[in-house]
């Protein structure tokens, strides 16, 4: 088994989805927050923090 087979064998669908959704929330928070929270335009930072949390959880699932 070479290196990349070992890396790909550790990945699972749930962790990849969490990482991708978290990254999308982090990068798209400036456009996404006003769409979701119409009456609270200052929700960009909490959306970014939620994205960071999802990425960390996805990474931890991948590692353990």
PDB file of N, CA and C in Angstrom:
ATOM      1  N   UNK A   1       0.852  -1.171   0.000  1.00  0.00           N
ATOM      2  CA  UNK A   1       0.000   0.000   0.000  1.00  0.00           C
ATOM      3  C   UNK A   1       0.902   1.239   0.000  1.00  0.00           C
ATOM      4  N   UNK A   2       0.673   2.097  -0.971  1.00  0.00           N
ATOM      5  CA  UNK A   2       1.479   3.306  -1.006  1.00  0.00           C
ATOM      6  C   UNK A   2       0.834   4.395  -0.133  1.00  0.00           C
ATOM      7  N   UNK A   3       1.454   5.529  -0.103  1.00  0.00           N
ATOM      8  CA  UNK A   3       1.039   6.606   0.812  1.00  0.00           C
ATOM      9  C   UNK A   3      -0.383   7.084   0.538  1.00  0.00           C
ATOM     10  N   UNK A   4      -0.719   7.332  -0.720  1.00  0.00           N
ATOM     11  CA  UNK A   4      -2.034   7.896  -1.031  1.00  0.00           C
ATOM     12  C   UNK A   4      -3.159   6.902  -0.792  1.00  0.00           C
ATOM     13  N   UNK A   5      -2.918   5.624  -0.933  1.00  0.00           N
ATOM     14  CA  UNK A   5      -3.937   4.636  -0.594  1.00  0.00           C
ATOM     15  C   UNK A   5      -4.216   4.653   0.897  1.00  0.00           C
ATOM     16  N   UNK A   6      -3.197   4.854   1.700  1.00  0.00           N
ATOM     17  CA  UNK A   6      -3.378   4.962   3.141  1.00  0.00           C
ATOM     18  C   UNK A   6      -4.159   6.199   3.526  1.00  0.00           C
ATOM     19  N   UNK A   7      -3.867   7.304   2.844  1.00  0.00           N
ATOM     20  CA  UNK A   7      -4.601   8.547   3.123  1.00  0.00           C
ATOM     21  C   UNK A   7      -6.059   8.400   2.729  1.00  0.00           C
ATOM     22  N   UNK A   8      -6.316   7.881   1.554  1.00  0.00           N
ATOM     23  CA  UNK A   8      -7.699   7.742   1.089  1.00  0.00           C
ATOM     24  C   UNK A   8      -8.481   6.700   1.881  1.00  0.00           C
ATOM     25  N   UNK A   9      -7.793   5.730   2.454  1.00  0.00           N
ATOM     26  CA  UNK A   9      -8.496   4.725   3.249  1.00  0.00           C
ATOM     27  C   UNK A   9      -8.980   5.307   4.573  1.00  0.00           C
ATOM     28  N   UNK A  10      -8.356   6.386   5.050  1.00  0.00           N
ATOM     29  CA  UNK A  10      -8.765   7.015   6.306  1.00  0.00           C
ATOM     30  C   UNK A  10      -9.972   7.933   6.146  1.00  0.00           C
ATOM     31  N   UNK A  11     -10.223   8.396   4.932  1.00  0.00           N
ATOM     32  CA  UNK A  11     -11.323   9.327   4.699  1.00  0.00           C
ATOM     33  C   UNK A  11     -12.653   8.582   4.704  1.00  0.00           C
ATOM     34  N   UNK A  12     -13.656   9.223   5.242  1.00  0.00           N
ATOM     35  CA  UNK A  12     -15.004   8.694   5.111  1.00  0.00           C
ATOM     36  C   UNK A  12     -15.918   9.809   4.631  1.00  0.00           C
ATOM     37  N   UNK A  13     -17.101   9.448   4.233  1.00  0.00           N
ATOM     38  CA  UNK A  13     -18.007  10.388   3.591  1.00  0.00           C
ATOM     39  C   UNK A  13     -18.442  11.488   4.556  1.00  0.00           C
ATOM     40  N   UNK A  14     -18.722  11.154   5.789  1.00  0.00           N
ATOM     41  CA  UNK A  14     -19.209  12.130   6.753  1.00  0.00           C
ATOM     42  C   UNK A  14     -18.169  13.214   7.013  1.00  0.00           C
ATOM     43  N   UNK A  15     -16.936  12.818   7.201  1.00  0.00           N
ATOM     44  CA  UNK A  15     -15.901  13.811   7.488  1.00  0.00           C
ATOM     45  C   UNK A  15     -15.639  14.709   6.291  1.00  0.00           C
ATOM     46  N   UNK A  16     -15.657  14.154   5.094  1.00  0.00           N
ATOM     47  CA  UNK A  16     -15.443  14.968   3.900  1.00  0.00           C
ATOM     48  C   UNK A  16     -16.584  15.964   3.724  1.00  0.00           C
ATOM     49  N   UNK A  17     -17.816  15.536   3.958  1.00  0.00           N
ATOM     50  CA  UNK A  17     -18.963  16.442   3.846  1.00  0.00           C
ATOM     51  C   UNK A  17     -18.866  17.554   4.878  1.00  0.00           C
ATOM     52  N   UNK A  18     -18.506  17.218   6.111  1.00  0.00           N
ATOM     53  CA  UNK A  18     -18.369  18.245   7.141  1.00  0.00           C
ATOM     54  C   UNK A  18     -17.278  19.253   6.791  1.00  0.00           C
ATOM     55  N   UNK A  19     -16.175  18.784   6.278  1.00  0.00           N
ATOM     56  CA  UNK A  19     -15.077  19.680   5.920  1.00  0.00           C
ATOM     57  C   UNK A  19     -15.481  20.589   4.762  1.00  0.00           C
ATOM     58  N   UNK A  20     -16.138  20.040   3.763  1.00  0.00           N
ATOM     59  CA  UNK A  20     -16.537  20.842   2.606  1.00  0.00           C
ATOM     60  C   UNK A  20     -17.604  21.868   2.988  1.00  0.00           C
ATOM     61  N   UNK A  21     -18.608  21.458   3.773  1.00  0.00           N
ATOM     62  CA  UNK A  21     -19.652  22.390   4.192  1.00  0.00           C
ATOM     63  C   UNK A  21     -19.079  23.463   5.113  1.00  0.00           C
ATOM     64  N   UNK A  22     -18.191  23.078   6.009  1.00  0.00           N
ATOM     65  CA  UNK A  22     -17.565  24.048   6.895  1.00  0.00           C
ATOM     66  C   UNK A  22     -16.720  25.057   6.135  1.00  0.00           C
ATOM     67  N   UNK A  23     -15.982  24.587   5.142  1.00  0.00           N
ATOM     68  CA  UNK A  23     -15.183  25.504   4.330  1.00  0.00           C
ATOM     69  C   UNK A  23     -16.073  26.442   3.521  1.00  0.00           C
ATOM     70  N   UNK A  24     -17.177  25.918   3.003  1.00  0.00           N
ATOM     71  CA  UNK A  24     -18.113  26.771   2.263  1.00  0.00           C
ATOM     72  C   UNK A  24     -18.737  27.823   3.174  1.00  0.00           C
ATOM     73  N   UNK A  25     -19.072  27.438   4.398  1.00  0.00           N
ATOM     74  CA  UNK A  25     -19.600  28.414   5.351  1.00  0.00           C
ATOM     75  C   UNK A  25     -18.558  29.464   5.701  1.00  0.00           C
ATOM     76  N   UNK A  26     -17.333  29.053   5.879  1.00  0.00           N
ATOM     77  CA  UNK A  26     -16.284  29.995   6.236  1.00  0.00           C
ATOM     78  C   UNK A  26     -16.007  31.003   5.131  1.00  0.00           C
ATOM     79  N   UNK A  27     -15.902  30.525   3.898  1.00  0.00           N
ATOM     80  CA  UNK A  27     -15.583  31.418   2.794  1.00  0.00           C
ATOM     81  C   UNK A  27     -16.797  32.195   2.294  1.00  0.00           C
ATOM     82  N   UNK A  28     -17.973  31.623   2.408  1.00  0.00           N
ATOM     83  CA  UNK A  28     -19.162  32.288   1.883  1.00  0.00           C
ATOM     84  C   UNK A  28     -20.018  32.956   2.927  1.00  0.00           C
ATOM     85  N   UNK A  29     -19.487  33.171   4.106  1.00  0.00           N
ATOM     86  CA  UNK A  29     -20.288  33.729   5.204  1.00  0.00           C
ATOM     87  C   UNK A  29     -20.756  35.147   4.911  1.00  0.00           C
ATOM     88  N   UNK A  30     -19.951  35.914   4.223  1.00  0.00           N
ATOM     89  CA  UNK A  30     -20.298  37.304   3.947  1.00  0.00           C
ATOM     90  C   UNK A  30     -21.528  37.408   3.047  1.00  0.00           C
ATOM     91  N   UNK A  31     -21.694  36.464   2.121  1.00  0.00           N
ATOM     92  CA  UNK A  31     -22.863  36.463   1.239  1.00  0.00           C
ATOM     93  C   UNK A  31     -24.005  35.630   1.808  1.00  0.00           C
ATOM     94  N   UNK A  32     -23.680  34.601   2.571  1.00  0.00           N
ATOM     95  CA  UNK A  32     -24.692  33.672   3.064  1.00  0.00           C
ATOM     96  C   UNK A  32     -25.440  34.191   4.284  1.00  0.00           C
ATOM     97  N   UNK A  33     -24.765  34.881   5.170  1.00  0.00           N
ATOM     98  CA  UNK A  33     -25.392  35.353   6.409  1.00  0.00           C
ATOM     99  C   UNK A  33     -26.558  36.314   6.163  1.00  0.00           C
ATOM    100  N   UNK A  34     -26.440  37.295   5.271  1.00  0.00           N
ATOM    101  CA  UNK A  34     -27.611  38.157   5.028  1.00  0.00           C
ATOM    102  C   UNK A  34     -28.783  37.428   4.381  1.00  0.00           C
ATOM    103  N   UNK A  35     -28.503  36.353   3.648  1.00  0.00           N
ATOM    104  CA  UNK A  35     -29.601  35.595   3.046  1.00  0.00           C
ATOM    105  C   UNK A  35     -30.363  34.773   4.082  1.00  0.00           C
ATOM    106  N   UNK A  36     -29.633  34.190   5.011  1.00  0.00           N
ATOM    107  CA  UNK A  36     -30.269  33.329   6.014  1.00  0.00           C
ATOM    108  C   UNK A  36     -30.878  34.151   7.146  1.00  0.00           C
ATOM    109  N   UNK A  37     -30.130  35.132   7.639  1.00  0.00           N
ATOM    110  CA  UNK A  37     -30.575  35.974   8.746  1.00  0.00           C
ATOM    111  C   UNK A  37     -30.903  37.360   8.200  1.00  0.00           C
ATOM    112  N   UNK A  38     -32.110  37.519   7.689  1.00  0.00           N
ATOM    113  CA  UNK A  38     -32.488  38.770   7.042  1.00  0.00           C
ATOM    114  C   UNK A  38     -32.575  39.944   8.012  1.00  0.00           C
ATOM    115  N   UNK A  39     -33.005  39.699   9.238  1.00  0.00           N
ATOM    116  CA  UNK A  39     -33.172  40.793  10.191  1.00  0.00           C
ATOM    117  C   UNK A  39     -31.920  41.025  11.051  1.00  0.00           C
ATOM    118  N   UNK A  40     -30.890  40.198  10.911  1.00  0.00           N
ATOM    119  CA  UNK A  40     -29.648  40.358  11.683  1.00  0.00           C
ATOM    120  C   UNK A  40     -28.453  40.342  10.724  1.00  0.00           C
ATOM    121  N   UNK A  41     -28.070  41.494  10.203  1.00  0.00           N
ATOM    122  CA  UNK A  41     -26.962  41.497   9.227  1.00  0.00           C
ATOM    123  C   UNK A  41     -25.587  41.305   9.856  1.00  0.00           C
ATOM    124  N   UNK A  42     -25.496  41.346  11.177  1.00  0.00           N
ATOM    125  CA  UNK A  42     -24.193  41.217  11.838  1.00  0.00           C
ATOM    126  C   UNK A  42     -23.887  39.776  12.242  1.00  0.00           C
ATOM    127  N   UNK A  43     -24.420  38.816  11.540  1.00  0.00           N
ATOM    128  CA  UNK A  43     -24.227  37.402  11.870  1.00  0.00           C
ATOM    129  C   UNK A  43     -23.102  36.749  11.070  1.00  0.00           C
ATOM    130  N   UNK A  44     -22.227  37.532  10.457  1.00  0.00           N
ATOM    131  CA  UNK A  44     -21.153  36.973   9.636  1.00  0.00           C
ATOM    132  C   UNK A  44     -20.159  36.200  10.496  1.00  0.00           C
ATOM    133  N   UNK A  45     -19.752  36.780  11.606  1.00  0.00           N
ATOM    134  CA  UNK A  45     -18.769  36.109  12.460  1.00  0.00           C
ATOM    135  C   UNK A  45     -19.302  34.802  13.056  1.00  0.00           C
ATOM    136  N   UNK A  46     -20.545  34.739  13.567  1.00  0.00           N
ATOM    137  CA  UNK A  46     -21.037  33.437  14.049  1.00  0.00           C
ATOM    138  C   UNK A  46     -21.136  32.379  12.956  1.00  0.00           C
ATOM    139  N   UNK A  47     -21.455  32.789  11.732  1.00  0.00           N
ATOM    140  CA  UNK A  47     -21.503  31.824  10.625  1.00  0.00           C
ATOM    141  C   UNK A  47     -20.098  31.314  10.317  1.00  0.00           C
ATOM    142  N   UNK A  48     -19.106  32.200  10.361  1.00  0.00           N
ATOM    143  CA  UNK A  48     -17.725  31.770  10.152  1.00  0.00           C
ATOM    144  C   UNK A  48     -17.267  30.835  11.262  1.00  0.00           C
ATOM    145  N   UNK A  49     -17.671  31.112  12.487  1.00  0.00           N
ATOM    146  CA  UNK A  49     -17.293  30.246  13.609  1.00  0.00           C
ATOM    147  C   UNK A  49     -17.969  28.872  13.479  1.00  0.00           C
ATOM    148  N   UNK A  50     -19.206  28.848  13.000  1.00  0.00           N
ATOM    149  CA  UNK A  50     -19.878  27.564  12.771  1.00  0.00           C
ATOM    150  C   UNK A  50     -19.161  26.766  11.689  1.00  0.00           C
ATOM    151  N   UNK A  51     -18.705  27.444  10.645  1.00  0.00           N
ATOM    152  CA  UNK A  51     -17.933  26.773   9.609  1.00  0.00           C
ATOM    153  C   UNK A  51     -16.628  26.218  10.133  1.00  0.00           C
ATOM    154  N   UNK A  52     -15.952  26.993  10.960  1.00  0.00           N
ATOM    155  CA  UNK A  52     -14.704  26.520  11.573  1.00  0.00           C
ATOM    156  C   UNK A  52     -14.963  25.307  12.451  1.00  0.00           C
ATOM    157  N   UNK A  53     -16.037  25.342  13.213  1.00  0.00           N
ATOM    158  CA  UNK A  53     -16.389  24.208  14.066  1.00  0.00           C
ATOM    159  C   UNK A  53     -16.636  22.949  13.236  1.00  0.00           C
ATOM    160  N   UNK A  54     -17.356  23.088  12.121  1.00  0.00           N
ATOM    161  CA  UNK A  54     -17.628  21.930  11.275  1.00  0.00           C
ATOM    162  C   UNK A  54     -16.338  21.363  10.672  1.00  0.00           C
ATOM    163  N   UNK A  55     -15.431  22.233  10.274  1.00  0.00           N
ATOM    164  CA  UNK A  55     -14.158  21.764   9.717  1.00  0.00           C
ATOM    165  C   UNK A  55     -13.346  21.027  10.774  1.00  0.00           C
ATOM    166  N   UNK A  56     -13.316  21.549  11.982  1.00  0.00           N
ATOM    167  CA  UNK A  56     -12.557  20.894  13.063  1.00  0.00           C
ATOM    168  C   UNK A  56     -13.168  19.538  13.399  1.00  0.00           C
ATOM    169  N   UNK A  57     -14.491  19.473  13.480  1.00  0.00           N
ATOM    170  CA  UNK A  57     -15.150  18.192  13.766  1.00  0.00           C
ATOM    171  C   UNK A  57     -14.878  17.189  12.648  1.00  0.00           C
ATOM    172  N   UNK A  58     -14.947  17.630  11.402  1.00  0.00           N
ATOM    173  CA  UNK A  58     -14.643  16.746  10.286  1.00  0.00           C
ATOM    174  C   UNK A  58     -13.206  16.251  10.311  1.00  0.00           C
ATOM    175  N   UNK A  59     -12.281  17.136  10.667  1.00  0.00           N
ATOM    176  CA  UNK A  59     -10.875  16.736  10.772  1.00  0.00           C
ATOM    177  C   UNK A  59     -10.658  15.748  11.904  1.00  0.00           C
ATOM    178  N   UNK A  60     -11.340  15.980  13.027  1.00  0.00           N
ATOM    179  CA  UNK A  60     -11.200  15.037  14.151  1.00  0.00           C
ATOM    180  C   UNK A  60     -11.773  13.671  13.826  1.00  0.00           C
ATOM    181  N   UNK A  61     -12.878  13.639  13.086  1.00  0.00           N
ATOM    182  CA  UNK A  61     -13.438  12.353  12.670  1.00  0.00           C
ATOM    183  C   UNK A  61     -12.448  11.637  11.748  1.00  0.00           C
ATOM    184  N   UNK A  62     -11.812  12.391  10.873  1.00  0.00           N
ATOM    185  CA  UNK A  62     -10.834  11.791   9.967  1.00  0.00           C
ATOM    186  C   UNK A  62      -9.633  11.247  10.724  1.00  0.00           C
ATOM    187  N   UNK A  63      -9.195  11.977  11.746  1.00  0.00           N
ATOM    188  CA  UNK A  63      -8.000  11.556  12.469  1.00  0.00           C
ATOM    189  C   UNK A  63      -8.236  10.366  13.390  1.00  0.00           C
ATOM    190  N   UNK A  64      -9.426  10.273  13.969  1.00  0.00           N
ATOM    191  CA  UNK A  64      -9.656   9.196  14.942  1.00  0.00           C
ATOM    192  C   UNK A  64     -10.563   8.184  14.395  1.00  0.00           C
TER     193      UNK A  64
END
